[in-house]
Every structure is written in structure tokens, then in C-alpha cells.
Amino acid sequence: MDFYDKVVIITGASSGIGEASAVEFSKRKSSVVLVARRKENLESVAKNLAKYGNEILVCQCDVSKWQEVEQMSKIVLDKFGRIDILVNNAGFAIYGPVLELKVEEIESQMKTNYFGMVYCIKAFLPKMLEQKNGHIVNVASVAASFGLPGIASYCASKFAMLGFSEGLYHELKGSGVGITVVSPIMVQTNFFDHPSFKLMPKYSPTSLSSKTVAKAIVKASSSPRFEVIVPSFVRVAVWLKHTIPYLINPILGEAFRKQLKSQK
């Protein structure tokens, strides 16, 4: 795809993968819409993007609230009149056993990670279908394929994202609109800044940079594939999990369970 002057909306754009994605699309001269809750952070990102000379629009919006998403979409469509790429990246996790998590903590992850994606798709998909072109990129996680102790709520939100995306992928066949899920392993971002992760090792030698995932998102935005796992060799682990779960699940479960117990 030629990204010049394409209108790209990125949620969770104030830091991490979202910010890195904004840089990659800006390098390619796309018009980038930065969406997140913290306006001051968005303005800082926009300032750093000024050197690329592309058009930047800052939209303060909490994607977990339909009314705010609806309002944001009107601002974007009134300004640009179209949307070419929607990157649903906003998301967070709270670490801890289900027994100890508050209901509100579980709900908040689902509202942002899953419903935030649903709201943005509902807001922009009609325009994409009217144009008969466009691409949706949903940033999930390898955790969308593994239910893991300590992040059960987060896994559930990404399972939901993956299932919703797969159903929509089939619905959109022949419409000119595509959808691709990008599922990375652990990424070095402020994702782990939440206090619940204070005793958990933040990164491993295999952790990815935000830039690596951002480049995968750019490629995914013009890909016919349903899911892109980053790095690609991790697809083998996903295949093994689905093929011989009776061997893989106990191993993973025990490893993450030990980590969870070690924090008590």
C-alpha cells in the first residue's frame, strides 16, 4: 500500500506501541489521528511527529465509553471525510489472581481492551463499507491464544478480540474492507507500569521493542492475512497449544502459577 495521505486512526497513541505506530505511519506521510485519554501526552507525541511534515490530529477520547468514541469519530470524519486504516491498540492489564481482583478491575480491562475495539469499529466501519475500502488492525497478544494464571482477565479480553475479529473477517469478505489481528509476545512498553506488576519481572531476553511491533502493524494494514503473530516463530507454540493442549497447558500453567505464588 502507498501510505501517502492515507487517514490512519491509532488508539492508545500516547505511548508504547501506539506512539511507535504513529511514527511509522508519519514516516510514510500518512495523516495520523492520535487517540488516547491523556491529552497532554498526545500533544507531546504530536510535537515529536511534527518533523515528518504530515497532518496530525489529536483526539482526547476514552475508548471504553461509546459516547466519547462516537463524538471522536464525528470529529475525524468531519475533518477528513474518510478513514483508510483503523488501529485498535488501546489496552492494559491488571495482574493478580481472579479471587483477589475486584469486579471493577476485571470489567475495566474488558471495557477498554474489548469494547473499546468494538466501539471504534462500530463508529468507523460504516464509512469504510461506503468507501468500499479500508483496513482494521486489532492489536491483540499471544495471550489471546493462552489462558494464563495472573492475567486471566487480560487473556479473556484478548480472546474476545480475536473471536470478534475472526467473525468480522468472514463477514467482510468481498466488501473491500480488511481486518488483521497483530498478536505480539511481551513488548517493552509502559504496559507493566501498573502497580500490580511491581514484583513481576518486566521483560525477558525475547521481549520485543515497540518499533518492531509498529512495523508489523504497518505491514498488517495492507495484508490479506487474518492474524500476524510477532515474532512469527511463536506461531509454532500456538499450534502446539491447540494440537496437544494436554501437554502444553500443564507446562505453561505451572510456570505462570509459580510466578503468581512468588509474589505473595
Protein backbone atom coordinates (compact mmCIF):
# COMPACT_ATOMS: atom_id res chain seq x y z
CA MET A 1 0.00 0.00 0.00
CA ASP A 2 1.07 3.55 -0.71
CA PHE A 3 0.50 5.23 2.66
CA TYR A 4 0.88 8.79 1.39
CA ASP A 5 -2.03 10.93 2.63
CA LYS A 6 -3.90 7.90 3.99
CA VAL A 7 -6.02 8.66 7.06
CA VAL A 8 -4.84 6.45 9.92
CA ILE A 9 -6.51 6.37 13.35
CA ILE A 10 -4.48 4.93 16.23
CA THR A 11 -5.96 4.35 19.68
CA GLY A 12 -3.70 4.16 22.69
CA ALA A 13 -1.41 6.52 20.78
CA SER A 14 0.04 8.37 23.77
CA SER A 15 2.87 5.89 24.36
CA GLY A 16 4.33 2.47 23.56
CA ILE A 17 3.12 0.60 20.50
CA GLY A 18 0.61 3.31 19.63
CA GLU A 19 3.23 6.06 19.63
CA ALA A 20 5.69 3.91 17.67
CA SER A 21 2.96 3.15 15.12
CA ALA A 22 2.26 6.86 14.76
CA VAL A 23 5.94 7.39 13.96
CA GLU A 24 5.97 4.64 11.32
CA PHE A 25 2.86 5.94 9.55
CA SER A 26 4.14 9.53 9.80
CA LYS A 27 7.38 8.50 8.11
CA ARG A 28 5.21 7.27 5.26
CA LYS A 29 3.39 10.64 5.10
CA SER A 30 0.00 9.39 6.30
CA SER A 31 -2.45 11.72 8.03
CA VAL A 32 -2.45 10.38 11.58
CA VAL A 33 -5.19 10.71 14.20
CA LEU A 34 -3.83 10.22 17.73
CA VAL A 35 -6.43 8.89 20.18
CA ALA A 36 -5.98 8.37 23.93
CA ARG A 37 -7.27 9.59 27.29
CA ARG A 38 -4.32 11.82 28.24
CA LYS A 39 -4.35 14.93 26.06
CA GLU A 40 -1.03 16.29 27.32
CA ASN A 41 0.70 13.03 26.32
CA LEU A 42 -0.94 13.10 22.90
CA GLU A 43 0.20 16.67 22.34
CA SER A 44 3.75 15.65 23.27
CA VAL A 45 3.62 12.81 20.71
CA ALA A 46 2.19 15.20 18.10
CA LYS A 47 5.04 17.64 18.76
CA ASN A 48 7.59 14.89 18.19
CA LEU A 49 5.89 13.94 14.92
CA ALA A 50 6.00 17.49 13.53
CA LYS A 51 9.37 16.84 11.88
CA TYR A 52 7.76 14.43 9.40
CA GLY A 53 5.54 17.14 7.92
CA ASN A 54 2.38 15.04 7.80
CA GLU A 55 -1.00 16.11 9.15
CA ILE A 56 -1.67 15.19 12.79
CA LEU A 57 -4.97 15.37 14.64
CA VAL A 58 -5.11 14.95 18.42
CA CYS A 59 -8.35 13.48 19.81
CA GLN A 60 -8.72 13.03 23.54
CA CYS A 61 -11.05 10.07 23.98
CA ASP A 62 -11.67 7.23 26.41
CA VAL A 63 -12.46 4.34 24.05
CA SER A 64 -14.22 2.43 26.83
CA LYS A 65 -17.06 4.99 26.56
CA TRP A 66 -19.28 4.74 23.47
CA GLN A 67 -20.40 8.36 23.63
CA GLU A 68 -16.79 9.61 23.53
CA VAL A 69 -15.92 7.29 20.63
CA GLU A 70 -18.98 8.41 18.72
CA GLN A 71 -18.03 12.05 19.23
CA MET A 72 -14.42 11.39 18.24
CA SER A 73 -15.49 9.65 15.04
CA LYS A 74 -17.61 12.63 14.03
CA ILE A 75 -14.65 14.97 14.52
CA VAL A 76 -12.41 12.74 12.39
CA LEU A 77 -14.92 12.22 9.58
CA ASP A 78 -15.90 15.89 9.52
CA LYS A 79 -12.24 16.81 9.06
CA PHE A 80 -11.04 14.14 6.63
CA GLY A 81 -14.25 12.77 5.11
CA ARG A 82 -12.87 9.25 5.10
CA ILE A 83 -10.82 6.68 7.02
CA ASP A 84 -8.31 4.31 5.48
CA ILE A 85 -6.79 2.47 8.44
CA LEU A 86 -8.06 1.93 11.99
CA VAL A 87 -5.52 0.63 14.51
CA ASN A 88 -7.22 -0.58 17.70
CA ASN A 89 -4.29 -0.59 20.07
CA ALA A 90 -5.63 0.77 23.39
CA GLY A 91 -5.36 -1.76 26.18
CA PHE A 92 -3.98 -2.56 29.62
CA ALA A 93 -3.74 -5.37 32.17
CA ILE A 94 -4.03 -5.74 35.93
CA TYR A 95 -2.01 -8.58 37.38
CA GLY A 96 -3.34 -10.84 40.10
CA PRO A 97 -5.44 -13.95 40.84
CA VAL A 98 -9.11 -13.77 39.95
CA LEU A 99 -10.06 -14.30 43.60
CA GLU A 100 -8.26 -11.10 44.63
CA LEU A 101 -9.20 -8.86 41.71
CA LYS A 102 -12.13 -6.52 42.18
CA VAL A 103 -15.06 -6.95 39.80
CA GLU A 104 -14.45 -3.36 38.67
CA GLU A 105 -10.83 -4.23 37.76
CA ILE A 106 -11.97 -7.15 35.63
CA GLU A 107 -14.69 -5.08 33.96
CA SER A 108 -12.34 -2.17 33.22
CA GLN A 109 -9.98 -4.39 31.23
CA MET A 110 -12.83 -5.77 29.15
CA LYS A 111 -14.29 -2.30 28.59
CA THR A 112 -11.05 -0.87 27.21
CA ASN A 113 -9.42 -3.87 25.56
CA TYR A 114 -12.52 -5.42 24.00
CA PHE A 115 -15.41 -2.97 23.96
CA GLY A 116 -13.06 -0.11 23.07
CA MET A 117 -12.24 -2.02 19.88
CA VAL A 118 -15.92 -2.81 19.23
CA TYR A 119 -16.93 0.84 19.69
CA CYS A 120 -14.28 2.11 17.28
CA ILE A 121 -15.22 -0.47 14.66
CA LYS A 122 -18.90 0.37 15.01
CA ALA A 123 -18.08 4.06 14.62
CA PHE A 124 -15.89 3.78 11.52
CA LEU A 125 -16.89 0.57 9.71
CA PRO A 126 -19.97 2.11 8.01
CA LYS A 127 -17.74 4.72 6.35
CA MET A 128 -15.24 2.06 5.25
CA LEU A 129 -18.02 -0.02 3.72
CA GLU A 130 -19.40 3.06 1.98
CA GLN A 131 -15.92 3.72 0.52
CA LYS A 132 -15.54 0.01 -0.32
CA ASN A 133 -12.00 0.10 1.04
CA GLY A 134 -10.13 0.34 4.31
CA HIS A 135 -8.34 -1.88 6.80
CA ILE A 136 -8.79 -2.57 10.51
CA VAL A 137 -5.79 -3.68 12.56
CA ASN A 138 -6.59 -5.04 16.01
CA VAL A 139 -3.60 -5.29 18.33
CA ALA A 140 -4.17 -8.37 20.48
CA SER A 141 -1.49 -10.53 22.07
CA VAL A 142 -0.22 -14.09 22.04
CA ALA A 143 -2.24 -14.17 25.29
CA ALA A 144 -5.29 -14.33 23.02
CA SER A 145 -4.38 -17.99 22.50
CA PHE A 146 -3.29 -18.93 26.04
CA GLY A 147 -5.27 -18.64 29.28
CA LEU A 148 -2.60 -17.77 31.86
CA PRO A 149 -2.71 -17.54 35.67
CA GLY A 150 -2.37 -13.99 36.93
CA ILE A 151 -3.68 -12.35 33.76
CA ALA A 152 -6.89 -14.31 33.24
CA SER A 153 -8.91 -11.12 32.76
CA TYR A 154 -6.48 -9.73 30.22
CA CYS A 155 -6.39 -13.05 28.34
CA ALA A 156 -10.20 -13.09 28.28
CA SER A 157 -10.31 -9.61 26.72
CA LYS A 158 -7.86 -10.65 24.02
CA PHE A 159 -9.65 -13.98 23.43
CA ALA A 160 -12.77 -11.88 22.87
CA MET A 161 -10.94 -9.55 20.49
CA LEU A 162 -9.63 -12.49 18.46
CA GLY A 163 -13.04 -14.19 18.25
CA PHE A 164 -14.86 -10.99 17.30
CA SER A 165 -12.22 -10.20 14.67
CA GLU A 166 -12.43 -13.67 13.12
CA GLY A 167 -16.21 -13.45 12.80
CA LEU A 168 -15.95 -9.97 11.27
CA TYR A 169 -13.17 -11.12 8.94
CA HIS A 170 -15.60 -13.56 7.33
CA GLU A 171 -18.42 -11.01 7.24
CA LEU A 172 -16.24 -8.52 5.36
CA LYS A 173 -15.22 -10.88 2.55
CA GLY A 174 -15.73 -9.18 -0.80
CA SER A 175 -16.52 -5.79 0.76
CA GLY A 176 -13.17 -4.17 0.05
CA VAL A 177 -12.58 -3.78 3.79
CA GLY A 178 -10.00 -5.98 5.51
CA ILE A 179 -9.20 -6.87 9.10
CA THR A 180 -5.98 -8.26 10.55
CA VAL A 181 -5.06 -9.10 14.14
CA VAL A 182 -1.49 -8.46 15.26
CA SER A 183 -0.54 -10.69 18.20
CA PRO A 184 2.88 -9.95 19.72
CA ILE A 185 4.64 -11.61 22.62
CA MET A 186 5.86 -9.44 25.53
CA VAL A 187 6.70 -5.89 24.43
CA GLN A 188 8.94 -3.36 26.19
CA THR A 189 6.42 -0.59 26.93
CA ASN A 190 4.84 1.08 29.97
CA PHE A 191 2.22 -1.71 29.86
CA PHE A 192 3.80 -3.07 33.05
CA ASP A 193 3.76 0.26 34.91
CA HIS A 194 0.53 -0.67 36.70
CA PRO A 195 1.29 -1.22 40.44
CA SER A 196 0.01 -4.79 40.24
CA PHE A 197 3.13 -5.75 38.24
CA LYS A 198 5.61 -4.32 40.77
CA LEU A 199 7.04 -7.73 41.79
CA MET A 200 6.84 -9.34 38.38
CA PRO A 201 9.91 -9.37 36.09
CA LYS A 202 9.04 -6.77 33.46
CA TYR A 203 10.86 -8.14 30.44
CA SER A 204 12.69 -11.18 29.15
CA PRO A 205 15.50 -11.52 26.59
CA THR A 206 12.83 -12.26 23.97
CA SER A 207 10.83 -9.07 24.65
CA LEU A 208 10.08 -7.02 21.56
CA SER A 209 10.58 -3.31 21.02
CA SER A 210 7.59 -1.09 20.27
CA LYS A 211 9.18 -0.28 16.92
CA THR A 212 9.22 -3.95 15.90
CA VAL A 213 5.51 -4.32 16.62
CA ALA A 214 4.73 -0.97 14.94
CA LYS A 215 6.39 -2.14 11.73
CA ALA A 216 4.29 -5.32 11.88
CA ILE A 217 1.17 -3.15 12.25
CA VAL A 218 2.10 -1.15 9.15
CA LYS A 219 2.52 -4.36 7.15
CA ALA A 220 -0.71 -5.78 8.57
CA SER A 221 -2.65 -2.72 7.42
CA SER A 222 -2.40 -3.90 3.83
CA SER A 223 -2.31 -7.65 4.45
CA PRO A 224 -4.96 -10.20 3.43
CA ARG A 225 -3.98 -12.39 6.39
CA PHE A 226 -6.28 -12.72 9.39
CA GLU A 227 -3.62 -12.92 12.11
CA VAL A 228 0.03 -11.92 12.24
CA ILE A 229 1.96 -13.30 15.23
CA VAL A 230 5.12 -11.41 16.19
CA PRO A 231 7.69 -12.91 16.04
CA SER A 232 6.47 -15.46 13.53
CA PHE A 233 8.17 -18.48 15.12
CA VAL A 234 5.80 -18.16 18.12
CA ARG A 235 3.07 -19.45 15.81
CA VAL A 236 4.59 -22.89 16.46
CA ALA A 237 3.77 -22.55 20.17
CA VAL A 238 0.19 -21.56 19.35
CA TRP A 239 -0.10 -24.54 17.00
CA LEU A 240 1.25 -26.89 19.68
CA LYS A 241 -1.17 -25.49 22.25
CA HIS A 242 -4.15 -26.23 20.02
CA THR A 243 -2.78 -29.56 18.78
CA ILE A 244 -1.55 -31.12 22.03
CA PRO A 245 -3.12 -28.99 24.79
CA TYR A 246 -2.92 -31.88 27.24
CA LEU A 247 0.89 -31.48 27.16
CA ILE A 248 1.35 -27.73 26.68
CA ASN A 249 -1.32 -26.37 29.04
CA PRO A 250 0.03 -28.03 32.22
CA ILE A 251 3.56 -26.78 31.49
CA LEU A 252 2.50 -23.18 30.92
CA GLY A 253 0.01 -23.25 33.75
CA GLU A 254 2.63 -24.45 36.23
CA ALA A 255 5.20 -21.86 35.14
CA PHE A 256 2.82 -18.92 35.47
CA ARG A 257 1.30 -20.30 38.66
CA LYS A 258 4.74 -20.35 40.29
CA GLN A 259 5.28 -16.75 39.25
CA LEU A 260 1.94 -15.78 40.77
CA LYS A 261 2.69 -17.56 44.05
CA SER A 262 6.16 -15.98 44.27
CA GLN A 263 4.60 -12.51 44.58
CA LYS A 264 2.73 -13.32 47.76
